[in-house]
């Protein structure tokens, strides 16, 4: 999905990688805003072993913090894990897990690894009289260490990296032109890595003129942590979604843009 318009048209910069970007852009469009897809990174599949790294009978549950883990999960592995507990984050990942045939899905409403630790501990109580439960953690090469740090003391975590999120080296021509024409009024950021690299791309592309973008464009962030990285990177107009979900991001985006619109009309 791409959206083009006249020089008077205003856009919301969708920075997250595809395929997640497509659903997020559709939600923005349904809110009567115009998304401009220009991901700052892309997903590359990694070679997967023929067999799972741990025997299925020994696995107490699987963890997917991103839809990319499911998209790159080997088809040959699926049938042996369909009845295992599967821990996922976000409604998009939940929907895909159901479509793939997993029968026992536990979903965190938050994106990524935040919020999953409590769900896993509740579903798989740890006993001091037994061996620690073994979890198959399907992830990318770049990730926050929350799950590994908080679950490793009580669980045996087997990490399987099935994809890599690689940074793009420049903005698209469409995005560059939109920034030059001052058409991009906001951007959404789902991770610290995304917001940091977005700032780097802007600085590389526009040099000293990037400061006006940082001062004028609304940066809607999925969490306080991402907002802190946004501020450190140079963004000044920052809003934080009340919940770590795409829907909450879009609602915050709409509400905040309305506030700025009303403010500009009264000044």
C-alpha atoms as a PDB file:
ATOM      1  CA  UNK A   1       0.000   0.000   0.000  1.00  0.00           C
ATOM      2  CA  UNK A   2       1.314   3.427  -0.967  1.00  0.00           C
ATOM      3  CA  UNK A   3      -0.485   6.723  -0.928  1.00  0.00           C
ATOM      4  CA  UNK A   4       0.279   9.680  -3.137  1.00  0.00           C
ATOM      5  CA  UNK A   5      -1.329  13.086  -3.173  1.00  0.00           C
ATOM      6  CA  UNK A   6      -0.876  16.679  -4.202  1.00  0.00           C
ATOM      7  CA  UNK A   7       1.564  19.028  -2.535  1.00  0.00           C
ATOM      8  CA  UNK A   8      -1.284  20.139  -0.251  1.00  0.00           C
ATOM      9  CA  UNK A   9      -1.910  16.605   1.036  1.00  0.00           C
ATOM     10  CA  UNK A  10      -0.818  15.698   4.579  1.00  0.00           C
ATOM     11  CA  UNK A  11       0.626  12.299   5.473  1.00  0.00           C
ATOM     12  CA  UNK A  12       1.334  10.092   8.481  1.00  0.00           C
ATOM     13  CA  UNK A  13       4.687   8.347   8.145  1.00  0.00           C
ATOM     14  CA  UNK A  14       4.401   4.590   8.767  1.00  0.00           C
ATOM     15  CA  UNK A  15       7.889   3.485   9.794  1.00  0.00           C
ATOM     16  CA  UNK A  16       7.374  -0.121  10.857  1.00  0.00           C
ATOM     17  CA  UNK A  17       8.429  -2.993   8.588  1.00  0.00           C
ATOM     18  CA  UNK A  18       6.062  -4.916   6.367  1.00  0.00           C
ATOM     19  CA  UNK A  19       3.833  -6.878   6.636  1.00  0.00           C
ATOM     20  CA  UNK A  20       2.850  -5.213   9.935  1.00  0.00           C
ATOM     21  CA  UNK A  21       2.993  -1.838   8.212  1.00  0.00           C
ATOM     22  CA  UNK A  22       0.146  -2.765   5.864  1.00  0.00           C
ATOM     23  CA  UNK A  23      -2.424  -3.405   8.606  1.00  0.00           C
ATOM     24  CA  UNK A  24      -1.262  -0.334  10.529  1.00  0.00           C
ATOM     25  CA  UNK A  25      -1.549   1.850   7.407  1.00  0.00           C
ATOM     26  CA  UNK A  26      -5.062   0.504   6.765  1.00  0.00           C
ATOM     27  CA  UNK A  27      -6.087   1.415  10.314  1.00  0.00           C
ATOM     28  CA  UNK A  28      -4.720   4.947   9.825  1.00  0.00           C
ATOM     29  CA  UNK A  29      -6.618   5.258   6.545  1.00  0.00           C
ATOM     30  CA  UNK A  30      -9.858   4.131   8.258  1.00  0.00           C
ATOM     31  CA  UNK A  31      -9.327   6.977  10.721  1.00  0.00           C
ATOM     32  CA  UNK A  32      -9.527   9.425   7.786  1.00  0.00           C
ATOM     33  CA  UNK A  33      -5.793  10.091   7.742  1.00  0.00           C
ATOM     34  CA  UNK A  34      -3.432   9.350   4.857  1.00  0.00           C
ATOM     35  CA  UNK A  35      -0.552   6.960   5.603  1.00  0.00           C
ATOM     36  CA  UNK A  36       2.716   7.066   3.730  1.00  0.00           C
ATOM     37  CA  UNK A  37       4.514   3.727   3.883  1.00  0.00           C
ATOM     38  CA  UNK A  38       8.264   4.153   4.210  1.00  0.00           C
ATOM     39  CA  UNK A  39       9.606   1.448   6.561  1.00  0.00           C
ATOM     40  CA  UNK A  40      12.989   2.171   8.100  1.00  0.00           C
ATOM     41  CA  UNK A  41      13.819  -1.529   8.184  1.00  0.00           C
ATOM     42  CA  UNK A  42      12.912  -4.723   6.350  1.00  0.00           C
ATOM     43  CA  UNK A  43      12.568  -8.352   7.411  1.00  0.00           C
ATOM     44  CA  UNK A  44      14.814 -11.053   5.972  1.00  0.00           C
ATOM     45  CA  UNK A  45      14.133 -14.748   6.558  1.00  0.00           C
ATOM     46  CA  UNK A  46      16.991 -16.830   7.964  1.00  0.00           C
ATOM     47  CA  UNK A  47      17.652 -20.483   7.124  1.00  0.00           C
ATOM     48  CA  UNK A  48      15.850 -22.797   9.533  1.00  0.00           C
ATOM     49  CA  UNK A  49      17.024 -26.240  10.690  1.00  0.00           C
ATOM     50  CA  UNK A  50      15.168 -29.206   9.245  1.00  0.00           C
ATOM     51  CA  UNK A  51      14.117 -30.281  12.737  1.00  0.00           C
ATOM     52  CA  UNK A  52      13.185 -28.142  15.763  1.00  0.00           C
ATOM     53  CA  UNK A  53      16.139 -27.437  18.088  1.00  0.00           C
ATOM     54  CA  UNK A  54      14.355 -29.240  20.921  1.00  0.00           C
ATOM     55  CA  UNK A  55      12.174 -32.358  20.866  1.00  0.00           C
ATOM     56  CA  UNK A  56       8.465 -31.377  20.822  1.00  0.00           C
ATOM     57  CA  UNK A  57       7.523 -33.602  23.802  1.00  0.00           C
ATOM     58  CA  UNK A  58      10.015 -31.668  25.933  1.00  0.00           C
ATOM     59  CA  UNK A  59       8.579 -28.253  25.031  1.00  0.00           C
ATOM     60  CA  UNK A  60       6.152 -26.690  27.534  1.00  0.00           C
ATOM     61  CA  UNK A  61       5.271 -23.805  25.243  1.00  0.00           C
ATOM     62  CA  UNK A  62       6.276 -21.620  22.297  1.00  0.00           C
ATOM     63  CA  UNK A  63       6.807 -17.848  22.310  1.00  0.00           C
ATOM     64  CA  UNK A  64       6.197 -15.500  19.357  1.00  0.00           C
ATOM     65  CA  UNK A  65       6.654 -11.805  20.132  1.00  0.00           C
ATOM     66  CA  UNK A  66       6.172 -10.784  16.500  1.00  0.00           C
ATOM     67  CA  UNK A  67       4.142 -11.829  13.498  1.00  0.00           C
ATOM     68  CA  UNK A  68       7.475 -12.313  11.733  1.00  0.00           C
ATOM     69  CA  UNK A  69       8.235 -15.315  13.935  1.00  0.00           C
ATOM     70  CA  UNK A  70       5.035 -17.013  12.756  1.00  0.00           C
ATOM     71  CA  UNK A  71       5.548 -16.016   9.129  1.00  0.00           C
ATOM     72  CA  UNK A  72       8.982 -17.621   9.152  1.00  0.00           C
ATOM     73  CA  UNK A  73       8.076 -20.637  11.302  1.00  0.00           C
ATOM     74  CA  UNK A  74       8.902 -23.723   9.188  1.00  0.00           C
ATOM     75  CA  UNK A  75       5.836 -25.499   7.864  1.00  0.00           C
ATOM     76  CA  UNK A  76       7.458 -28.821   8.699  1.00  0.00           C
ATOM     77  CA  UNK A  77       7.491 -27.837  12.396  1.00  0.00           C
ATOM     78  CA  UNK A  78       3.897 -26.685  12.632  1.00  0.00           C
ATOM     79  CA  UNK A  79       2.139 -30.033  12.810  1.00  0.00           C
ATOM     80  CA  UNK A  80       4.190 -31.229  15.799  1.00  0.00           C
ATOM     81  CA  UNK A  81       3.474 -28.075  17.814  1.00  0.00           C
ATOM     82  CA  UNK A  82      -0.183 -27.374  16.992  1.00  0.00           C
ATOM     83  CA  UNK A  83      -1.433 -28.499  20.421  1.00  0.00           C
ATOM     84  CA  UNK A  84       1.323 -26.859  22.469  1.00  0.00           C
ATOM     85  CA  UNK A  85       0.634 -23.668  24.442  1.00  0.00           C
ATOM     86  CA  UNK A  86       1.591 -20.761  22.179  1.00  0.00           C
ATOM     87  CA  UNK A  87       2.259 -17.341  23.695  1.00  0.00           C
ATOM     88  CA  UNK A  88       1.838 -14.423  21.285  1.00  0.00           C
ATOM     89  CA  UNK A  89       1.631 -10.627  21.500  1.00  0.00           C
ATOM     90  CA  UNK A  90      -0.888  -8.412  19.744  1.00  0.00           C
ATOM     91  CA  UNK A  91      -4.115  -9.209  17.911  1.00  0.00           C
ATOM     92  CA  UNK A  92      -2.464  -9.492  14.477  1.00  0.00           C
ATOM     93  CA  UNK A  93      -0.126 -12.214  15.722  1.00  0.00           C
ATOM     94  CA  UNK A  94      -3.066 -13.911  17.484  1.00  0.00           C
ATOM     95  CA  UNK A  95      -5.108 -13.989  14.268  1.00  0.00           C
ATOM     96  CA  UNK A  96      -2.265 -15.489  12.255  1.00  0.00           C
ATOM     97  CA  UNK A  97      -1.586 -18.135  14.941  1.00  0.00           C
ATOM     98  CA  UNK A  98      -5.238 -19.179  14.742  1.00  0.00           C
ATOM     99  CA  UNK A  99      -5.117 -19.270  10.948  1.00  0.00           C
ATOM    100  CA  UNK A 100      -2.049 -21.528  11.124  1.00  0.00           C
ATOM    101  CA  UNK A 101      -3.984 -24.019  13.233  1.00  0.00           C
ATOM    102  CA  UNK A 102      -2.508 -23.564  16.709  1.00  0.00           C
ATOM    103  CA  UNK A 103      -5.087 -24.738  19.233  1.00  0.00           C
ATOM    104  CA  UNK A 104      -3.881 -23.395  22.571  1.00  0.00           C
ATOM    105  CA  UNK A 105      -3.043 -19.693  22.198  1.00  0.00           C
ATOM    106  CA  UNK A 106      -2.414 -17.238  25.024  1.00  0.00           C
ATOM    107  CA  UNK A 107      -2.307 -13.632  23.841  1.00  0.00           C
ATOM    108  CA  UNK A 108      -0.813 -10.562  25.457  1.00  0.00           C
ATOM    109  CA  UNK A 109      -2.600  -7.356  24.398  1.00  0.00           C
ATOM    110  CA  UNK A 110       0.763  -5.574  24.279  1.00  0.00           C
ATOM    111  CA  UNK A 111       3.166  -5.546  21.338  1.00  0.00           C
ATOM    112  CA  UNK A 112       6.518  -7.325  21.597  1.00  0.00           C
ATOM    113  CA  UNK A 113       7.831  -8.933  24.766  1.00  0.00           C
ATOM    114  CA  UNK A 114       6.327  -6.498  27.268  1.00  0.00           C
ATOM    115  CA  UNK A 115       3.446  -8.027  29.208  1.00  0.00           C
ATOM    116  CA  UNK A 116       4.278 -11.622  28.207  1.00  0.00           C
ATOM    117  CA  UNK A 117       6.326 -12.596  31.249  1.00  0.00           C
ATOM    118  CA  UNK A 118       3.347 -12.492  33.606  1.00  0.00           C
ATOM    119  CA  UNK A 119       1.178 -14.489  31.191  1.00  0.00           C
ATOM    120  CA  UNK A 120       3.799 -17.203  30.835  1.00  0.00           C
ATOM    121  CA  UNK A 121       4.370 -17.467  34.568  1.00  0.00           C
ATOM    122  CA  UNK A 122       0.623 -17.732  35.193  1.00  0.00           C
ATOM    123  CA  UNK A 123       0.079 -20.392  32.528  1.00  0.00           C
ATOM    124  CA  UNK A 124       3.176 -22.445  33.389  1.00  0.00           C
ATOM    125  CA  UNK A 125       3.737 -22.381  37.156  1.00  0.00           C
ATOM    126  CA  UNK A 126       7.292 -23.247  38.161  1.00  0.00           C
ATOM    127  CA  UNK A 127       7.852 -25.995  40.742  1.00  0.00           C
ATOM    128  CA  UNK A 128      11.010 -26.331  42.778  1.00  0.00           C
ATOM    129  CA  UNK A 129      10.491 -30.111  42.750  1.00  0.00           C
ATOM    130  CA  UNK A 130      10.625 -30.444  38.964  1.00  0.00           C
ATOM    131  CA  UNK A 131      12.878 -29.504  36.101  1.00  0.00           C
ATOM    132  CA  UNK A 132      12.290 -25.996  34.778  1.00  0.00           C
ATOM    133  CA  UNK A 133       9.728 -25.842  31.942  1.00  0.00           C
ATOM    134  CA  UNK A 134      11.324 -25.641  28.505  1.00  0.00           C
ATOM    135  CA  UNK A 135      10.189 -22.875  26.150  1.00  0.00           C
ATOM    136  CA  UNK A 136      10.907 -22.508  22.453  1.00  0.00           C
ATOM    137  CA  UNK A 137      11.411 -18.784  21.827  1.00  0.00           C
ATOM    138  CA  UNK A 138      11.090 -17.863  18.132  1.00  0.00           C
ATOM    139  CA  UNK A 139      12.614 -14.436  17.531  1.00  0.00           C
ATOM    140  CA  UNK A 140      14.661 -12.185  15.302  1.00  0.00           C
ATOM    141  CA  UNK A 141      18.344 -11.394  15.544  1.00  0.00           C
ATOM    142  CA  UNK A 142      17.598  -7.949  17.043  1.00  0.00           C
ATOM    143  CA  UNK A 143      15.284  -7.871  20.060  1.00  0.00           C
ATOM    144  CA  UNK A 144      14.888  -6.442  23.507  1.00  0.00           C
ATOM    145  CA  UNK A 145      16.347  -8.746  26.199  1.00  0.00           C
ATOM    146  CA  UNK A 146      13.328  -8.597  28.510  1.00  0.00           C
ATOM    147  CA  UNK A 147      12.101 -12.171  28.023  1.00  0.00           C
ATOM    148  CA  UNK A 148      15.535 -13.726  28.219  1.00  0.00           C
ATOM    149  CA  UNK A 149      16.478 -11.769  31.327  1.00  0.00           C
ATOM    150  CA  UNK A 150      13.247 -12.340  33.242  1.00  0.00           C
ATOM    151  CA  UNK A 151      12.398 -15.909  32.230  1.00  0.00           C
ATOM    152  CA  UNK A 152      15.846 -17.529  32.162  1.00  0.00           C
ATOM    153  CA  UNK A 153      16.173 -17.879  35.972  1.00  0.00           C
ATOM    154  CA  UNK A 154      13.084 -20.138  36.150  1.00  0.00           C
ATOM    155  CA  UNK A 155      12.625 -21.501  32.632  1.00  0.00           C
ATOM    156  CA  UNK A 156      14.858 -23.271  30.149  1.00  0.00           C
ATOM    157  CA  UNK A 157      14.664 -20.929  27.165  1.00  0.00           C
ATOM    158  CA  UNK A 158      15.679 -22.281  23.749  1.00  0.00           C
ATOM    159  CA  UNK A 159      16.167 -19.354  21.391  1.00  0.00           C
ATOM    160  CA  UNK A 160      15.592 -19.871  17.661  1.00  0.00           C
ATOM    161  CA  UNK A 161      16.366 -16.920  15.389  1.00  0.00           C
ATOM    162  CA  UNK A 162      14.338 -17.271  12.184  1.00  0.00           C
ATOM    163  CA  UNK A 163      14.486 -13.725  10.792  1.00  0.00           C
ATOM    164  CA  UNK A 164      16.567 -10.558  10.798  1.00  0.00           C
ATOM    165  CA  UNK A 165      15.280  -6.989  10.885  1.00  0.00           C
ATOM    166  CA  UNK A 166      17.731  -5.068   8.712  1.00  0.00           C
ATOM    167  CA  UNK A 167      17.939  -1.272   8.538  1.00  0.00           C
ATOM    168  CA  UNK A 168      17.172   0.511   5.279  1.00  0.00           C
ATOM    169  CA  UNK A 169      19.851   2.912   4.117  1.00  0.00           C
ATOM    170  CA  UNK A 170      17.670   5.772   2.863  1.00  0.00           C
ATOM    171  CA  UNK A 171      14.179   7.184   2.692  1.00  0.00           C
ATOM    172  CA  UNK A 172      12.018   6.443  -0.334  1.00  0.00           C
ATOM    173  CA  UNK A 173      11.748   9.101  -3.052  1.00  0.00           C
ATOM    174  CA  UNK A 174       8.092   9.621  -2.152  1.00  0.00           C
ATOM    175  CA  UNK A 175       8.894  10.214   1.526  1.00  0.00           C
ATOM    176  CA  UNK A 176      11.814  12.511   0.692  1.00  0.00           C
ATOM    177  CA  UNK A 177       9.580  14.652  -1.514  1.00  0.00           C
ATOM    178  CA  UNK A 178       6.826  14.724   1.118  1.00  0.00           C
ATOM    179  CA  UNK A 179       9.281  15.919   3.755  1.00  0.00           C
ATOM    180  CA  UNK A 180      10.641  18.592   1.424  1.00  0.00           C
ATOM    181  CA  UNK A 181       7.071  19.801   0.814  1.00  0.00           C
ATOM    182  CA  UNK A 182       6.330  19.724   4.573  1.00  0.00           C
ATOM    183  CA  UNK A 183       3.492  17.270   4.012  1.00  0.00           C
ATOM    184  CA  UNK A 184       4.305  14.763   6.781  1.00  0.00           C
ATOM    185  CA  UNK A 185       2.587  15.841   9.982  1.00  0.00           C
ATOM    186  CA  UNK A 186       3.151  12.755  12.129  1.00  0.00           C
ATOM    187  CA  UNK A 187       4.907   9.405  12.395  1.00  0.00           C
ATOM    188  CA  UNK A 188       4.281   6.262  14.441  1.00  0.00           C
ATOM    189  CA  UNK A 189       7.079   4.387  16.177  1.00  0.00           C
ATOM    190  CA  UNK A 190       6.738   0.837  17.534  1.00  0.00           C
ATOM    191  CA  UNK A 191      10.279   0.270  18.813  1.00  0.00           C
ATOM    192  CA  UNK A 192      13.348   2.074  20.085  1.00  0.00           C
ATOM    193  CA  UNK A 193      15.391   0.763  17.180  1.00  0.00           C
ATOM    194  CA  UNK A 194      12.882   2.148  14.691  1.00  0.00           C
ATOM    195  CA  UNK A 195      12.753   5.645  16.163  1.00  0.00           C
ATOM    196  CA  UNK A 196      16.545   5.891  16.496  1.00  0.00           C
ATOM    197  CA  UNK A 197      17.100   4.816  12.906  1.00  0.00           C
ATOM    198  CA  UNK A 198      14.310   7.070  11.614  1.00  0.00           C
ATOM    199  CA  UNK A 199      16.105  10.022  13.204  1.00  0.00           C
ATOM    200  CA  UNK A 200      19.383   8.906  11.632  1.00  0.00           C
ATOM    201  CA  UNK A 201      17.790   8.711   8.167  1.00  0.00           C
ATOM    202  CA  UNK A 202      16.332  12.198   8.540  1.00  0.00           C
ATOM    203  CA  UNK A 203      19.661  13.661   9.655  1.00  0.00           C
ATOM    204  CA  UNK A 204      21.513  11.948   6.811  1.00  0.00           C
ATOM    205  CA  UNK A 205      18.939  13.048   4.245  1.00  0.00           C
ATOM    206  CA  UNK A 206      18.344  16.650   5.326  1.00  0.00           C
ATOM    207  CA  UNK A 207      21.346  17.649   7.449  1.00  0.00           C
ATOM    208  CA  UNK A 208      20.743  20.800   9.507  1.00  0.00           C
ATOM    209  CA  UNK A 209      17.254  21.104   7.989  1.00  0.00           C
ATOM    210  CA  UNK A 210      16.210  17.929   9.850  1.00  0.00           C
ATOM    211  CA  UNK A 211      15.780  20.015  13.008  1.00  0.00           C
ATOM    212  CA  UNK A 212      12.628  21.635  11.651  1.00  0.00           C
ATOM    213  CA  UNK A 213      11.185  18.151  11.023  1.00  0.00           C
ATOM    214  CA  UNK A 214      12.019  17.087  14.591  1.00  0.00           C
ATOM    215  CA  UNK A 215      10.348  20.246  15.926  1.00  0.00           C
ATOM    216  CA  UNK A 216       7.190  20.139  13.786  1.00  0.00           C
ATOM    217  CA  UNK A 217       6.326  16.454  13.196  1.00  0.00           C
ATOM    218  CA  UNK A 218       4.323  14.612  15.837  1.00  0.00           C
ATOM    219  CA  UNK A 219       6.022  11.391  16.968  1.00  0.00           C
ATOM    220  CA  UNK A 220       3.483   8.910  18.352  1.00  0.00           C
ATOM    221  CA  UNK A 221       5.297   6.244  20.389  1.00  0.00           C
ATOM    222  CA  UNK A 222       4.057   2.897  21.611  1.00  0.00           C
ATOM    223  CA  UNK A 223       5.643   3.165  25.061  1.00  0.00           C
ATOM    224  CA  UNK A 224       7.460   5.429  27.471  1.00  0.00           C
ATOM    225  CA  UNK A 225      10.747   3.741  26.599  1.00  0.00           C
ATOM    226  CA  UNK A 226      10.309   4.445  22.878  1.00  0.00           C
ATOM    227  CA  UNK A 227       9.296   8.031  23.704  1.00  0.00           C
ATOM    228  CA  UNK A 228      12.505   8.505  25.683  1.00  0.00           C
ATOM    229  CA  UNK A 229      14.549   7.280  22.709  1.00  0.00           C
ATOM    230  CA  UNK A 230      12.577   9.638  20.457  1.00  0.00           C
ATOM    231  CA  UNK A 231      13.394  12.613  22.667  1.00  0.00           C
ATOM    232  CA  UNK A 232      17.050  11.627  22.852  1.00  0.00           C
ATOM    233  CA  UNK A 233      17.092  11.349  19.035  1.00  0.00           C
ATOM    234  CA  UNK A 234      15.823  14.912  18.584  1.00  0.00           C
ATOM    235  CA  UNK A 235      12.017  14.693  18.296  1.00  0.00           C
ATOM    236  CA  UNK A 236      10.231  17.333  20.377  1.00  0.00           C
ATOM    237  CA  UNK A 237       6.484  16.799  19.739  1.00  0.00           C
ATOM    238  CA  UNK A 238       5.958  13.383  21.315  1.00  0.00           C
ATOM    239  CA  UNK A 239       2.801  11.496  22.300  1.00  0.00           C
ATOM    240  CA  UNK A 240       2.614   8.114  24.040  1.00  0.00           C
ATOM    241  CA  UNK A 241      -0.119   5.562  23.375  1.00  0.00           C
ATOM    242  CA  UNK A 242      -1.989   4.625  26.584  1.00  0.00           C
ATOM    243  CA  UNK A 243      -1.709   0.923  25.655  1.00  0.00           C
ATOM    244  CA  UNK A 244       0.987  -0.925  23.731  1.00  0.00           C
ATOM    245  CA  UNK A 245      -1.125  -1.773  20.691  1.00  0.00           C
ATOM    246  CA  UNK A 246      -1.593  -0.568  17.131  1.00  0.00           C
ATOM    247  CA  UNK A 247      -5.216   0.440  17.826  1.00  0.00           C
ATOM    248  CA  UNK A 248      -4.138   2.553  20.769  1.00  0.00           C
ATOM    249  CA  UNK A 249      -1.437   4.164  18.626  1.00  0.00           C
ATOM    250  CA  UNK A 250      -3.961   5.173  15.961  1.00  0.00           C
ATOM    251  CA  UNK A 251      -6.404   6.560  18.527  1.00  0.00           C
ATOM    252  CA  UNK A 252      -3.654   8.612  20.157  1.00  0.00           C
ATOM    253  CA  UNK A 253      -2.550   9.833  16.735  1.00  0.00           C
ATOM    254  CA  UNK A 254      -6.058  11.004  15.813  1.00  0.00           C
ATOM    255  CA  UNK A 255      -6.723  12.646  19.185  1.00  0.00           C
ATOM    256  CA  UNK A 256      -3.384  14.456  19.253  1.00  0.00           C
ATOM    257  CA  UNK A 257      -3.677  15.751  15.692  1.00  0.00           C
ATOM    258  CA  UNK A 258      -7.141  17.118  16.534  1.00  0.00           C
ATOM    259  CA  UNK A 259      -5.669  18.947  19.525  1.00  0.00           C
ATOM    260  CA  UNK A 260      -2.923  20.492  17.406  1.00  0.00           C
ATOM    261  CA  UNK A 261      -5.449  21.433  14.716  1.00  0.00           C
ATOM    262  CA  UNK A 262      -7.719  23.198  17.223  1.00  0.00           C
ATOM    263  CA  UNK A 263      -4.730  24.915  18.823  1.00  0.00           C
ATOM    264  CA  UNK A 264      -3.442  26.221  15.490  1.00  0.00           C
ATOM    265  CA  UNK A 265      -6.873  27.611  14.570  1.00  0.00           C
ATOM    266  CA  UNK A 266      -7.251  29.506  17.853  1.00  0.00           C
ATOM    267  CA  UNK A 267      -3.754  31.008  17.774  1.00  0.00           C
END
